[in-house]
């Protein structure tokens, strides 16, 4: 494994553990925190392992726009 892939994998593990720990808390904003952590994991996987970092700017914009729209829709549905 390349060094950046290993670092990304470790960060993904930490974010997953953080999501699991935060899910046990009771707070008004916990859904937002977990969604942000999930979005960071999505971006890490997309840009590192799916190699979106080498893709055309159109695809990068599309993937980030999709993520933003997805998170906004989920927040609207949950609230």
N, C-alpha and C. Protein backbone atom coordinates (compact mmCIF):
# COMPACT_ATOMS: atom_id res chain seq x y z
N UNK A 1 0.84 -1.20 0.00
CA UNK A 1 0.00 0.00 0.00
C UNK A 1 0.88 1.25 0.00
N UNK A 2 0.43 2.25 -0.69
CA UNK A 2 1.15 3.51 -0.68
C UNK A 2 0.93 4.22 0.65
N UNK A 3 1.85 5.12 0.96
CA UNK A 3 1.79 5.82 2.24
C UNK A 3 0.50 6.63 2.38
N UNK A 4 0.09 7.35 1.34
CA UNK A 4 -1.13 8.17 1.44
C UNK A 4 -2.37 7.30 1.56
N UNK A 5 -2.36 6.15 0.91
CA UNK A 5 -3.50 5.23 1.04
C UNK A 5 -3.59 4.69 2.46
N UNK A 6 -2.45 4.39 3.05
CA UNK A 6 -2.43 3.90 4.43
C UNK A 6 -2.91 4.97 5.40
N UNK A 7 -2.46 6.18 5.20
CA UNK A 7 -2.89 7.29 6.07
C UNK A 7 -4.39 7.52 5.91
N UNK A 8 -4.87 7.49 4.69
CA UNK A 8 -6.31 7.66 4.45
C UNK A 8 -7.10 6.55 5.12
N UNK A 9 -6.61 5.32 5.04
CA UNK A 9 -7.28 4.19 5.66
C UNK A 9 -7.35 4.37 7.18
N UNK A 10 -6.26 4.83 7.78
CA UNK A 10 -6.25 5.07 9.23
C UNK A 10 -7.23 6.17 9.61
N UNK A 11 -7.26 7.24 8.82
CA UNK A 11 -8.20 8.34 9.08
C UNK A 11 -9.64 7.83 8.96
N UNK A 12 -9.91 6.98 7.98
CA UNK A 12 -11.25 6.41 7.83
C UNK A 12 -11.63 5.56 9.05
N UNK A 13 -10.67 4.81 9.57
CA UNK A 13 -10.94 4.02 10.78
C UNK A 13 -11.25 4.92 11.97
N UNK A 14 -10.48 5.99 12.12
CA UNK A 14 -10.70 6.93 13.23
C UNK A 14 -12.07 7.59 13.09
N UNK A 15 -12.42 8.01 11.88
CA UNK A 15 -13.73 8.63 11.66
C UNK A 15 -14.87 7.64 11.93
N UNK A 16 -14.66 6.38 11.59
CA UNK A 16 -15.68 5.37 11.86
C UNK A 16 -15.86 5.16 13.36
N UNK A 17 -14.75 5.08 14.09
CA UNK A 17 -14.83 4.94 15.55
C UNK A 17 -15.48 6.17 16.17
N UNK A 18 -15.13 7.34 15.67
CA UNK A 18 -15.74 8.57 16.19
C UNK A 18 -17.25 8.57 15.94
N UNK A 19 -17.66 8.12 14.76
CA UNK A 19 -19.10 8.05 14.46
C UNK A 19 -19.81 7.10 15.42
N UNK A 20 -19.18 5.97 15.69
CA UNK A 20 -19.78 5.00 16.61
C UNK A 20 -19.89 5.57 18.02
N UNK A 21 -18.87 6.28 18.46
CA UNK A 21 -18.90 6.88 19.80
C UNK A 21 -19.93 8.01 19.88
N UNK A 22 -19.97 8.84 18.86
CA UNK A 22 -20.93 9.95 18.86
C UNK A 22 -22.38 9.46 18.78
N UNK A 23 -22.58 8.30 18.17
CA UNK A 23 -23.95 7.80 18.03
C UNK A 23 -24.56 7.43 19.38
N UNK A 24 -23.73 7.22 20.38
CA UNK A 24 -24.23 6.88 21.72
C UNK A 24 -24.66 8.12 22.51
N UNK A 25 -24.26 9.29 22.06
CA UNK A 25 -24.59 10.52 22.76
C UNK A 25 -26.00 10.98 22.41
N UNK A 26 -26.58 11.72 23.32
CA UNK A 26 -27.89 12.30 23.07
C UNK A 26 -27.74 13.81 23.00
N UNK A 27 -27.88 14.34 21.81
CA UNK A 27 -27.73 15.77 21.60
C UNK A 27 -28.59 16.18 20.42
N UNK A 28 -28.90 17.44 20.40
CA UNK A 28 -29.72 17.98 19.31
C UNK A 28 -28.96 17.96 17.98
N UNK A 29 -27.65 18.13 18.04
CA UNK A 29 -26.85 18.29 16.83
C UNK A 29 -26.06 17.04 16.46
N UNK A 30 -26.32 15.92 17.11
CA UNK A 30 -25.53 14.72 16.88
C UNK A 30 -25.70 14.19 15.46
N UNK A 31 -26.89 14.37 14.89
CA UNK A 31 -27.12 13.92 13.51
C UNK A 31 -26.23 14.71 12.55
N UNK A 32 -26.10 16.00 12.78
CA UNK A 32 -25.24 16.83 11.95
C UNK A 32 -23.79 16.39 12.06
N UNK A 33 -23.34 16.10 13.26
CA UNK A 33 -21.95 15.67 13.47
C UNK A 33 -21.69 14.35 12.74
N UNK A 34 -22.60 13.41 12.87
CA UNK A 34 -22.42 12.11 12.22
C UNK A 34 -22.48 12.26 10.70
N UNK A 35 -23.34 13.13 10.19
CA UNK A 35 -23.40 13.37 8.74
C UNK A 35 -22.10 13.99 8.23
N UNK A 36 -21.53 14.90 8.99
CA UNK A 36 -20.26 15.51 8.59
C UNK A 36 -19.15 14.46 8.57
N UNK A 37 -19.12 13.60 9.58
CA UNK A 37 -18.11 12.54 9.61
C UNK A 37 -18.30 11.58 8.42
N UNK A 38 -19.54 11.25 8.11
CA UNK A 38 -19.82 10.38 6.96
C UNK A 38 -19.42 11.06 5.65
N UNK A 39 -19.65 12.36 5.55
CA UNK A 39 -19.26 13.10 4.35
C UNK A 39 -17.75 13.11 4.18
N UNK A 40 -17.03 13.27 5.28
CA UNK A 40 -15.56 13.23 5.22
C UNK A 40 -15.07 11.85 4.78
N UNK A 41 -15.71 10.81 5.27
CA UNK A 41 -15.35 9.46 4.86
C UNK A 41 -15.64 9.25 3.37
N UNK A 42 -16.77 9.75 2.91
CA UNK A 42 -17.13 9.66 1.50
C UNK A 42 -16.07 10.34 0.63
N UNK A 43 -15.67 11.54 1.03
CA UNK A 43 -14.66 12.27 0.26
C UNK A 43 -13.31 11.56 0.28
N UNK A 44 -12.95 11.01 1.43
CA UNK A 44 -11.69 10.27 1.52
C UNK A 44 -11.68 9.07 0.59
N UNK A 45 -12.76 8.34 0.56
CA UNK A 45 -12.84 7.17 -0.32
C UNK A 45 -12.87 7.60 -1.78
N UNK A 46 -13.68 8.60 -2.08
CA UNK A 46 -13.81 9.04 -3.48
C UNK A 46 -12.50 9.59 -4.03
N UNK A 47 -11.83 10.42 -3.27
CA UNK A 47 -10.64 11.08 -3.81
C UNK A 47 -9.39 10.23 -3.70
N UNK A 48 -9.30 9.36 -2.72
CA UNK A 48 -8.11 8.55 -2.57
C UNK A 48 -8.24 7.21 -3.30
N UNK A 49 -9.27 6.45 -2.97
CA UNK A 49 -9.36 5.09 -3.48
C UNK A 49 -10.05 4.99 -4.84
N UNK A 50 -10.93 5.93 -5.16
CA UNK A 50 -11.56 5.95 -6.48
C UNK A 50 -10.79 6.89 -7.42
N UNK A 51 -9.73 7.48 -6.93
CA UNK A 51 -8.82 8.34 -7.67
C UNK A 51 -9.50 9.53 -8.34
N UNK A 52 -10.46 10.11 -7.64
CA UNK A 52 -11.11 11.31 -8.15
C UNK A 52 -10.16 12.51 -8.13
N UNK A 53 -9.09 12.42 -7.36
CA UNK A 53 -8.14 13.53 -7.31
C UNK A 53 -7.43 13.73 -8.65
N UNK A 54 -7.42 12.68 -9.48
CA UNK A 54 -6.80 12.78 -10.80
C UNK A 54 -7.83 13.07 -11.89
N UNK A 55 -9.09 13.12 -11.51
CA UNK A 55 -10.17 13.31 -12.49
C UNK A 55 -10.27 14.77 -12.93
N UNK A 56 -11.02 14.97 -13.99
CA UNK A 56 -11.29 16.31 -14.50
C UNK A 56 -12.07 17.11 -13.46
N UNK A 57 -11.90 18.42 -13.48
CA UNK A 57 -12.55 19.29 -12.50
C UNK A 57 -14.08 19.15 -12.55
N UNK A 58 -14.63 18.81 -13.69
CA UNK A 58 -16.08 18.59 -13.80
C UNK A 58 -16.52 17.48 -12.86
N UNK A 59 -15.80 16.35 -12.86
CA UNK A 59 -16.18 15.22 -12.02
C UNK A 59 -15.97 15.52 -10.54
N UNK A 60 -14.93 16.26 -10.24
CA UNK A 60 -14.69 16.66 -8.84
C UNK A 60 -15.83 17.54 -8.34
N UNK A 61 -16.23 18.50 -9.17
CA UNK A 61 -17.33 19.39 -8.81
C UNK A 61 -18.63 18.62 -8.67
N UNK A 62 -18.86 17.68 -9.57
CA UNK A 62 -20.08 16.89 -9.54
C UNK A 62 -20.15 16.03 -8.27
N UNK A 63 -19.07 15.42 -7.87
CA UNK A 63 -19.08 14.56 -6.69
C UNK A 63 -19.27 15.38 -5.42
N UNK A 64 -18.65 16.55 -5.35
CA UNK A 64 -18.82 17.41 -4.17
C UNK A 64 -20.22 18.01 -4.15
N UNK A 65 -20.74 18.38 -5.31
CA UNK A 65 -22.11 18.89 -5.39
C UNK A 65 -23.13 17.84 -4.99
N UNK A 66 -22.92 16.60 -5.44
CA UNK A 66 -23.81 15.50 -5.05
C UNK A 66 -23.79 15.32 -3.54
N UNK A 67 -22.61 15.33 -2.96
CA UNK A 67 -22.49 15.15 -1.52
C UNK A 67 -23.20 16.27 -0.76
N UNK A 68 -22.99 17.50 -1.19
CA UNK A 68 -23.64 18.64 -0.53
C UNK A 68 -25.16 18.53 -0.63
N UNK A 69 -25.66 18.22 -1.81
CA UNK A 69 -27.10 18.07 -2.01
C UNK A 69 -27.66 16.93 -1.16
N UNK A 70 -26.95 15.82 -1.11
CA UNK A 70 -27.38 14.66 -0.33
C UNK A 70 -27.47 15.00 1.16
N UNK A 71 -26.45 15.67 1.68
CA UNK A 71 -26.45 16.05 3.10
C UNK A 71 -27.57 17.04 3.40
N UNK A 72 -27.77 18.01 2.53
CA UNK A 72 -28.83 19.00 2.74
C UNK A 72 -30.21 18.34 2.73
N UNK A 73 -30.43 17.44 1.79
CA UNK A 73 -31.72 16.74 1.73
C UNK A 73 -31.94 15.91 2.99
N UNK A 74 -30.91 15.21 3.45
CA UNK A 74 -31.05 14.42 4.67
C UNK A 74 -31.35 15.30 5.88
N UNK A 75 -30.69 16.44 5.97
CA UNK A 75 -30.94 17.34 7.09
C UNK A 75 -32.37 17.89 7.05
N UNK A 76 -32.87 18.16 5.86
CA UNK A 76 -34.25 18.65 5.73
C UNK A 76 -35.24 17.56 6.14
N UNK A 77 -34.98 16.34 5.72
CA UNK A 77 -35.88 15.23 6.05
C UNK A 77 -35.88 14.96 7.55
N UNK A 78 -34.73 14.99 8.17
CA UNK A 78 -34.62 14.64 9.59
C UNK A 78 -35.21 15.72 10.48
N UNK A 79 -35.08 16.97 10.12
CA UNK A 79 -35.56 18.08 10.97
C UNK A 79 -37.03 18.22 10.95
